[in-house]
Amino acid sequence: MKYFKIIYLIVLLLVSFISCTEIYTPNVSSDTEALVVEGLITDEAGPFTVKLSMAKPLPYDSVGVTRYTVRSATVTITDSENKKYVLKEFTPGNYSTPSTFKTKIGNFYKINIKTTDANSYESNFEKLLSPQSIDSIRGIYTTEDYINDNSELLNVDGADIRVDLFNSLPTSESVPSCRFTPLITTQYWYTYRDKDLLGNDIMSYHWANFGWKTYKLNTIENITDENVASSISLLKNHSIGFIPFEMSSYGHVIPPSIMIYYLRVNQYTMNNDSYNFYKGAKNQLSASGKIFDPITSQLHGNMRCVNDPSKIVLGLFEVSSVKEYAFLMELDKRTKQITLKNAVIMDVPAMPANNYLYGDFQYKVWDYPDADAPKNDPTYDVIPYPAWWYHN
């Protein structure tokens, strides 16, 4: 009798699942377009760029098709002192602030956009808050899962970069929100020898290769915790990114003899509207397919259509102050100690497109140049390192 009841319950559950199955066909509006606004102004010197484009309707939103730009719009920024600045379109869909535009901490800023189809858009008035600083930074030797250049998920050793914040913030003030955009540039140098048809080394010369590549440390938005009013403002051990030490993570088949890690970090201090936008983006990008994960329509910016509130406007006009940092990271593999030293702040250029087979600069080094080096061998010319090499 006991087993009969168990079988009966299993059958009942199966019937319930089958009877509740129904194909759901959502009612999707396929002709909807949306203006996309991508703009950021900070307390640094300009010019600043605002990018305007349109999200394509569904029939055109296919793989390999990009959004189309919004041209010939009238774009104006107004501050809380009632000064107006007209932006100039310097490339299709990209608008730049004039040389007279300078921001001021504590002021509010709003953007107005008029498109050629007679629609008018505007943002909220956004306050430019005072920039916050990193109190301390360190690297912790750890092991994490990491997706390498071949899209393989591997468990690798690396440095978890941690910062402390808000130590000097008055306790009477609420804790601000910050986001971080860390970049790591790897500079490398290695050598190898060619082999003959029998697999023997060709001993008269070897190849010397060097190059560099820049990566984003994070795939999702890196922001601090939600604003809170607290008697203790200090935020400790906030992780801003993971730097792998495994050479295959950077696409190296031959381990470099020299590996330099140059870490560049921008710290933005955000107001509430910017924080809510990036928090929504972070929640969406970190979604794992669960039933209560956020959906795309829950990502709200600070833009709206003035003449038609039903029109969808995507993106953000961000007003945030910024602090910039640069560090050289050194690793002692024997002791597993990581040190970070202050370095010159600079934008590392991309590797030239006309380099060699392995994406490196490559030249020959002869063991006995007086006896063996052929005349006028162009591959023997030593390619000079860039002026910024090692960031000395």
Protein backbone atom coordinates (compact mmCIF):
# COMPACT_ATOMS: atom_id res chain seq x y z
CA MET A 1 0.00 0.00 0.00
CA LYS A 2 2.90 2.34 0.86
CA TYR A 3 4.57 1.80 -2.54
CA PHE A 4 1.23 2.28 -4.30
CA LYS A 5 0.86 5.73 -2.72
CA ILE A 6 4.39 6.73 -3.83
CA ILE A 7 3.72 5.63 -7.42
CA TYR A 8 0.38 7.45 -7.37
CA LEU A 9 2.04 10.71 -6.23
CA ILE A 10 4.72 10.46 -8.94
CA VAL A 11 2.10 9.92 -11.66
CA LEU A 12 0.04 12.82 -10.30
CA LEU A 13 3.05 15.16 -10.41
CA LEU A 14 3.89 14.13 -13.98
CA VAL A 15 0.33 14.76 -15.12
CA SER A 16 0.35 18.16 -13.39
CA PHE A 17 3.54 19.25 -15.16
CA ILE A 18 2.32 18.06 -18.54
CA SER A 19 -1.12 19.66 -18.18
CA CYS A 20 0.44 23.02 -17.17
CA THR A 21 2.74 23.22 -20.17
CA GLU A 22 1.77 26.01 -22.57
CA ILE A 23 3.67 27.71 -25.34
CA TYR A 24 4.02 31.43 -24.63
CA THR A 25 4.34 33.80 -27.57
CA PRO A 26 5.19 37.32 -26.35
CA ASN A 27 3.62 40.33 -28.00
CA VAL A 28 6.68 42.23 -29.25
CA SER A 29 6.54 45.54 -31.06
CA SER A 30 8.91 45.04 -33.98
CA ASP A 31 8.97 48.62 -35.26
CA THR A 32 10.19 50.34 -32.07
CA GLU A 33 13.26 52.55 -32.29
CA ALA A 34 15.10 54.09 -29.36
CA LEU A 35 17.59 56.91 -29.09
CA VAL A 36 20.80 55.81 -27.37
CA VAL A 37 22.77 58.49 -25.50
CA GLU A 38 26.36 57.86 -24.38
CA GLY A 39 27.88 60.89 -22.69
CA LEU A 40 30.31 61.58 -19.87
CA ILE A 41 31.59 64.88 -18.47
CA THR A 42 34.02 65.07 -15.56
CA ASP A 43 35.99 67.63 -13.57
CA GLU A 44 38.95 67.20 -15.93
CA ALA A 45 39.73 69.42 -18.88
CA GLY A 46 37.69 68.67 -21.99
CA PRO A 47 36.71 68.35 -24.67
CA PHE A 48 34.05 65.75 -23.84
CA THR A 49 32.17 63.63 -26.36
CA VAL A 50 28.49 62.69 -26.51
CA LYS A 51 27.61 59.82 -28.85
CA LEU A 52 24.10 59.54 -30.31
CA SER A 53 22.77 56.50 -32.12
CA MET A 54 19.52 54.63 -32.66
CA ALA A 55 18.76 51.12 -31.48
CA LYS A 56 17.45 49.40 -34.60
CA PRO A 57 13.97 47.83 -34.70
CA LEU A 58 13.84 44.05 -34.56
CA PRO A 59 13.72 43.29 -38.32
CA TYR A 60 17.14 44.95 -38.69
CA ASP A 61 18.68 43.92 -35.39
CA SER A 62 20.67 40.97 -36.68
CA VAL A 63 24.17 39.71 -36.04
CA GLY A 64 26.81 41.84 -37.72
CA VAL A 65 24.56 44.90 -38.08
CA THR A 66 25.53 47.87 -35.91
CA ARG A 67 23.36 50.67 -34.63
CA TYR A 68 23.10 53.64 -36.93
CA THR A 69 24.28 57.09 -35.94
CA VAL A 70 22.13 60.14 -35.26
CA ARG A 71 23.42 62.97 -37.40
CA SER A 72 22.80 66.72 -37.55
CA ALA A 73 21.22 66.90 -34.10
CA THR A 74 21.33 70.07 -32.00
CA VAL A 75 23.05 69.16 -28.73
CA THR A 76 23.29 71.63 -25.85
CA ILE A 77 24.58 71.38 -22.28
CA THR A 78 23.17 73.79 -19.69
CA ASP A 79 24.66 74.31 -16.22
CA SER A 80 23.08 75.52 -12.97
CA GLU A 81 24.49 79.00 -13.64
CA ASN A 82 22.28 79.06 -16.75
CA LYS A 83 25.21 78.97 -19.15
CA LYS A 84 24.57 77.11 -22.39
CA TYR A 85 27.13 75.31 -24.52
CA VAL A 86 26.42 74.04 -28.04
CA LEU A 87 28.26 70.85 -29.03
CA LYS A 88 29.73 70.36 -32.50
CA GLU A 89 29.40 67.17 -34.55
CA PHE A 90 32.97 66.23 -35.49
CA THR A 91 32.21 62.76 -36.89
CA PRO A 92 28.80 61.20 -37.68
CA GLY A 93 26.91 60.81 -34.40
CA ASN A 94 29.74 62.14 -32.21
CA TYR A 95 29.37 65.59 -30.65
CA SER A 96 32.11 67.49 -28.84
CA THR A 97 31.96 70.25 -26.21
CA PRO A 98 33.44 73.63 -27.17
CA SER A 99 36.75 74.91 -25.78
CA THR A 100 34.84 77.33 -23.53
CA PHE A 101 33.13 74.47 -21.66
CA LYS A 102 34.62 73.91 -18.21
CA THR A 103 32.94 72.06 -15.36
CA LYS A 104 32.84 73.10 -11.72
CA ILE A 105 32.51 70.91 -8.65
CA GLY A 106 29.08 71.39 -7.05
CA ASN A 107 27.37 72.62 -10.23
CA PHE A 108 24.52 70.81 -11.98
CA TYR A 109 24.47 69.95 -15.69
CA LYS A 110 21.73 68.96 -18.13
CA ILE A 111 21.85 67.92 -21.77
CA ASN A 112 19.22 68.80 -24.41
CA ILE A 113 19.03 67.03 -27.77
CA LYS A 114 16.88 68.01 -30.75
CA THR A 115 16.92 65.54 -33.63
CA THR A 116 16.04 66.16 -37.27
CA ASP A 117 12.75 64.26 -36.85
CA ALA A 118 11.51 67.09 -34.57
CA ASN A 119 11.87 65.12 -31.34
CA SER A 120 13.32 66.76 -28.25
CA TYR A 121 15.15 64.94 -25.46
CA GLU A 122 16.64 66.03 -22.15
CA SER A 123 18.33 64.61 -19.07
CA ASN A 124 17.86 65.35 -15.41
CA PHE A 125 20.01 68.06 -13.85
CA GLU A 126 23.03 66.09 -12.61
CA LYS A 127 25.36 67.28 -9.83
CA LEU A 128 29.15 67.06 -10.20
CA LEU A 129 30.35 65.71 -6.86
CA SER A 130 33.81 66.13 -5.34
CA PRO A 131 36.28 63.44 -6.42
CA GLN A 132 37.23 60.73 -3.93
CA SER A 133 40.67 59.14 -3.63
CA ILE A 134 42.10 55.69 -3.09
CA ASP A 135 43.57 55.57 0.42
CA SER A 136 45.67 52.46 -0.23
CA ILE A 137 46.05 49.74 -2.86
CA ARG A 138 47.57 46.25 -2.72
CA GLY A 139 47.70 42.98 -4.59
CA ILE A 140 46.75 39.68 -2.95
CA TYR A 141 48.17 36.47 -4.43
CA THR A 142 45.23 34.15 -5.09
CA THR A 143 43.73 31.62 -7.51
CA GLU A 144 40.57 32.31 -9.51
CA ASP A 145 38.67 31.09 -12.57
CA TYR A 146 39.62 33.14 -15.62
CA ILE A 147 38.60 33.09 -19.29
CA ASN A 148 41.70 33.32 -21.45
CA ASP A 149 42.19 34.57 -25.03
CA ASN A 150 40.88 31.24 -26.38
CA SER A 151 37.63 31.56 -24.37
CA GLU A 152 38.73 28.72 -22.08
CA LEU A 153 37.77 28.86 -18.40
CA LEU A 154 40.88 28.01 -16.40
CA ASN A 155 41.83 28.13 -12.73
CA VAL A 156 44.93 30.33 -12.64
CA ASP A 157 47.14 32.14 -10.14
CA GLY A 158 46.99 35.90 -10.13
CA ALA A 159 46.68 39.14 -8.18
CA ASP A 160 43.41 40.29 -6.66
CA ILE A 161 43.76 44.09 -6.58
CA ARG A 162 42.18 45.58 -3.45
CA VAL A 163 41.67 49.20 -2.35
CA ASP A 164 40.63 51.04 0.82
CA LEU A 165 38.41 54.11 0.43
CA PHE A 166 36.83 57.06 2.28
CA ASN A 167 39.20 57.11 5.25
CA SER A 168 39.32 60.92 5.23
CA LEU A 169 35.61 61.42 4.57
CA PRO A 170 33.84 63.35 7.37
CA THR A 171 31.51 61.09 9.34
CA SER A 172 28.70 63.64 8.91
CA GLU A 173 28.62 62.98 5.15
CA SER A 174 26.98 60.02 3.45
CA VAL A 175 29.31 57.53 1.82
CA PRO A 176 29.60 58.34 -1.92
CA SER A 177 29.42 55.82 -4.74
CA CYS A 178 32.40 55.11 -6.95
CA ARG A 179 33.05 53.01 -10.01
CA PHE A 180 36.40 51.81 -11.31
CA THR A 181 37.64 51.19 -14.86
CA PRO A 182 40.95 49.30 -14.47
CA LEU A 183 43.13 48.42 -17.46
CA ILE A 184 46.22 46.18 -17.46
CA THR A 185 48.93 46.53 -20.09
CA THR A 186 51.35 43.61 -20.34
CA GLN A 187 54.79 44.35 -21.80
CA TYR A 188 56.79 41.28 -22.71
CA TRP A 189 60.09 40.13 -24.25
CA TYR A 190 61.23 36.62 -25.17
CA THR A 191 63.63 34.73 -27.43
CA TYR A 192 63.61 31.43 -29.30
CA ARG A 193 65.67 29.58 -31.91
CA ASP A 194 64.67 28.16 -35.27
CA LYS A 195 65.16 24.47 -35.97
CA ASP A 196 66.36 22.70 -39.08
CA LEU A 197 64.53 19.86 -40.87
CA LEU A 198 65.97 17.33 -38.39
CA GLY A 199 64.72 19.32 -35.40
CA ASN A 200 68.12 20.64 -34.41
CA ASP A 201 68.57 24.20 -33.24
CA ILE A 202 70.05 26.63 -35.74
CA MET A 203 72.77 27.97 -33.51
CA SER A 204 73.98 30.92 -35.52
CA TYR A 205 71.16 33.23 -34.38
CA HIS A 206 67.98 33.43 -32.35
CA TRP A 207 64.83 35.51 -32.64
CA ALA A 208 64.09 38.29 -30.16
CA ASN A 209 60.44 39.27 -29.80
CA PHE A 210 58.74 42.00 -27.82
CA GLY A 211 55.30 43.58 -27.67
CA TRP A 212 52.45 44.74 -25.48
CA LYS A 213 48.70 44.43 -25.15
CA THR A 214 46.03 46.16 -23.04
CA TYR A 215 43.10 44.35 -21.41
CA LYS A 216 40.09 45.35 -19.36
CA LEU A 217 40.18 43.71 -15.95
CA ASN A 218 36.41 43.47 -15.53
CA THR A 219 33.58 42.21 -17.73
CA ILE A 220 30.89 43.76 -15.49
CA GLU A 221 30.64 47.21 -13.95
CA ASN A 222 32.84 47.62 -10.87
CA ILE A 223 31.03 49.84 -8.38
CA THR A 224 31.15 50.27 -4.62
CA ASP A 225 28.27 49.33 -2.34
CA GLU A 226 25.07 51.35 -2.19
CA ASN A 227 25.14 54.78 -0.54
CA VAL A 228 24.80 54.59 3.23
CA ALA A 229 24.94 57.10 6.06
CA SER A 230 27.21 55.63 8.70
CA SER A 231 29.38 56.70 11.60
CA ILE A 232 32.22 54.75 9.94
CA SER A 233 32.87 55.80 6.34
CA LEU A 234 35.92 53.63 5.70
CA LEU A 235 35.43 51.00 3.00
CA LYS A 236 38.11 48.30 3.14
CA ASN A 237 39.20 45.58 0.72
CA HIS A 238 37.10 46.60 -2.27
CA SER A 239 38.24 44.42 -5.20
CA ILE A 240 38.76 46.29 -8.46
CA GLY A 241 39.96 43.37 -10.60
CA PHE A 242 41.94 40.17 -11.02
CA ILE A 243 45.27 40.06 -12.92
CA PRO A 244 46.24 36.51 -14.05
CA PHE A 245 49.86 35.38 -14.05
CA GLU A 246 49.33 32.41 -16.41
CA MET A 247 51.03 33.29 -19.70
CA SER A 248 48.40 31.47 -21.76
CA SER A 249 45.85 33.93 -20.38
CA TYR A 250 47.51 36.52 -22.61
CA GLY A 251 47.93 34.26 -25.64
CA HIS A 252 51.64 33.51 -25.10
CA VAL A 253 52.76 30.12 -26.41
CA ILE A 254 56.38 30.77 -25.40
CA PRO A 255 56.72 32.11 -21.82
CA PRO A 256 58.26 35.59 -21.90
CA SER A 257 61.64 36.14 -20.29
CA ILE A 258 60.45 39.59 -19.19
CA MET A 259 56.87 40.41 -18.23
CA ILE A 260 55.87 43.89 -17.06
CA TYR A 261 52.41 44.68 -15.67
CA TYR A 262 51.23 48.29 -16.02
CA LEU A 263 47.96 48.96 -14.17
CA ARG A 264 45.88 52.02 -15.05
CA VAL A 265 42.85 52.83 -12.86
CA ASN A 266 40.19 55.54 -13.23
CA GLN A 267 38.00 56.13 -10.18
CA TYR A 268 34.71 57.94 -10.85
CA THR A 269 32.63 59.51 -8.05
CA MET A 270 28.99 59.22 -9.12
CA ASN A 271 25.71 60.92 -8.22
CA ASN A 272 22.56 58.89 -7.58
CA ASP A 273 21.32 58.69 -11.18
CA SER A 274 24.66 57.40 -12.47
CA TYR A 275 24.96 54.94 -9.60
CA ASN A 276 21.49 53.50 -10.24
CA PHE A 277 22.28 53.10 -13.94
CA TYR A 278 25.55 51.24 -13.36
CA LYS A 279 24.02 49.17 -10.59
CA GLY A 280 21.32 48.05 -13.03
CA ALA A 281 23.95 47.29 -15.67
CA LYS A 282 25.96 45.27 -13.17
CA ASN A 283 22.88 43.28 -12.11
CA GLN A 284 22.05 42.46 -15.72
CA LEU A 285 25.59 41.50 -16.73
CA SER A 286 25.98 39.27 -13.68
CA ALA A 287 22.60 37.56 -14.21
CA SER A 288 22.81 33.77 -14.31
CA GLY A 289 19.51 32.85 -15.94
CA LYS A 290 17.43 32.64 -12.77
CA ILE A 291 13.73 33.43 -12.79
CA PHE A 292 14.10 36.68 -10.84
CA ASP A 293 17.08 38.03 -12.79
CA PRO A 294 16.61 41.60 -14.06
CA ILE A 295 15.48 42.13 -17.64
CA THR A 296 16.82 44.69 -20.09
CA SER A 297 13.87 47.04 -19.72
CA GLN A 298 14.83 47.51 -16.06
CA LEU A 299 17.99 49.44 -17.00
CA HIS A 300 16.90 53.04 -16.53
CA GLY A 301 19.00 56.03 -17.54
CA ASN A 302 18.38 59.72 -16.91
CA MET A 303 17.10 60.66 -20.38
CA ARG A 304 13.53 61.24 -21.56
CA CYS A 305 11.67 62.50 -24.64
CA VAL A 306 10.08 65.86 -23.88
CA ASN A 307 7.49 65.97 -26.66
CA ASP A 308 6.51 62.28 -26.43
CA PRO A 309 7.04 60.62 -23.01
CA SER A 310 6.10 57.24 -24.47
CA LYS A 311 9.25 57.19 -26.60
CA ILE A 312 12.03 54.95 -25.29
CA VAL A 313 15.40 56.58 -24.59
CA LEU A 314 18.38 54.45 -23.61
CA GLY A 315 21.79 55.25 -22.19
CA LEU A 316 23.11 57.85 -19.78
CA PHE A 317 24.36 61.40 -19.63
CA GLU A 318 26.88 60.90 -16.84
CA VAL A 319 28.28 63.70 -14.69
CA SER A 320 31.06 62.28 -12.49
CA SER A 321 34.36 63.50 -11.10
CA VAL A 322 37.42 61.33 -11.69
CA LYS A 323 40.79 60.46 -10.19
CA GLU A 324 43.42 58.70 -12.30
CA TYR A 325 46.15 56.34 -11.09
CA ALA A 326 48.91 54.24 -12.63
CA PHE A 327 51.04 51.51 -11.06
CA LEU A 328 53.78 49.08 -12.02
CA MET A 329 53.09 45.67 -10.52
CA GLU A 330 55.96 43.38 -9.56
CA LEU A 331 55.66 39.72 -8.59
CA ASP A 332 58.02 37.59 -6.51
CA LYS A 333 56.94 34.04 -7.43
CA ARG A 334 59.13 32.50 -4.72
CA THR A 335 57.52 34.39 -1.83
CA LYS A 336 54.23 35.11 -3.66
CA GLN A 337 54.61 38.78 -2.75
CA ILE A 338 53.05 41.46 -4.95
CA THR A 339 54.14 45.09 -4.90
CA LEU A 340 52.53 48.07 -6.61
CA LYS A 341 54.61 51.16 -7.32
CA ASN A 342 53.31 54.51 -8.55
CA ALA A 343 53.97 55.09 -12.24
CA VAL A 344 53.48 57.79 -14.84
CA ILE A 345 49.88 58.11 -16.05
CA MET A 346 49.67 57.68 -19.81
CA ASP A 347 47.51 56.22 -22.55
CA VAL A 348 49.36 53.20 -23.93
CA PRO A 349 48.99 53.06 -27.74
CA ALA A 350 47.78 49.93 -29.47
CA MET A 351 50.32 47.65 -31.14
CA PRO A 352 50.82 48.60 -34.81
CA ALA A 353 48.83 46.49 -37.24
CA ASN A 354 51.78 45.73 -39.57
CA ASN A 355 53.81 43.72 -37.07
CA TYR A 356 54.96 40.11 -37.36
CA LEU A 357 53.28 36.71 -37.40
CA TYR A 358 52.92 36.30 -33.64
CA GLY A 359 51.69 39.85 -33.05
CA ASP A 360 55.15 40.89 -31.82
CA PHE A 361 58.05 42.95 -33.05
CA GLN A 362 60.69 40.43 -34.13
CA TYR A 363 64.35 40.68 -35.09
CA LYS A 364 67.42 38.41 -35.32
CA VAL A 365 70.22 38.36 -32.77
CA TRP A 366 73.37 36.74 -34.14
CA ASP A 367 75.64 34.73 -31.87
CA TYR A 368 78.76 35.73 -33.82
CA PRO A 369 77.83 38.84 -35.80
CA ASP A 370 81.32 39.44 -37.15
CA ALA A 371 81.54 35.99 -38.76
CA ASP A 372 77.95 34.93 -39.42
CA ALA A 373 75.76 37.97 -39.95
CA PRO A 374 74.93 38.39 -43.65
CA LYS A 375 75.16 41.75 -45.28
CA ASN A 376 72.00 43.87 -45.54
CA ASP A 377 69.77 41.39 -43.68
CA PRO A 378 66.66 43.48 -42.82
CA THR A 379 65.58 41.00 -40.13
CA TYR A 380 68.81 41.69 -38.25
CA ASP A 381 67.87 45.33 -37.61
CA VAL A 382 67.01 45.83 -33.94
CA ILE A 383 63.59 47.45 -33.66
CA PRO A 384 63.79 50.12 -30.94
CA TYR A 385 61.57 49.94 -27.90
CA PRO A 386 58.95 52.70 -27.60
CA ALA A 387 59.97 55.79 -25.63
CA TRP A 388 57.49 54.83 -22.89
CA TRP A 389 58.79 51.25 -22.53
CA TYR A 390 58.79 50.05 -18.88
CA HIS A 391 57.18 53.42 -18.06
CA ASN A 392 60.42 54.72 -16.58
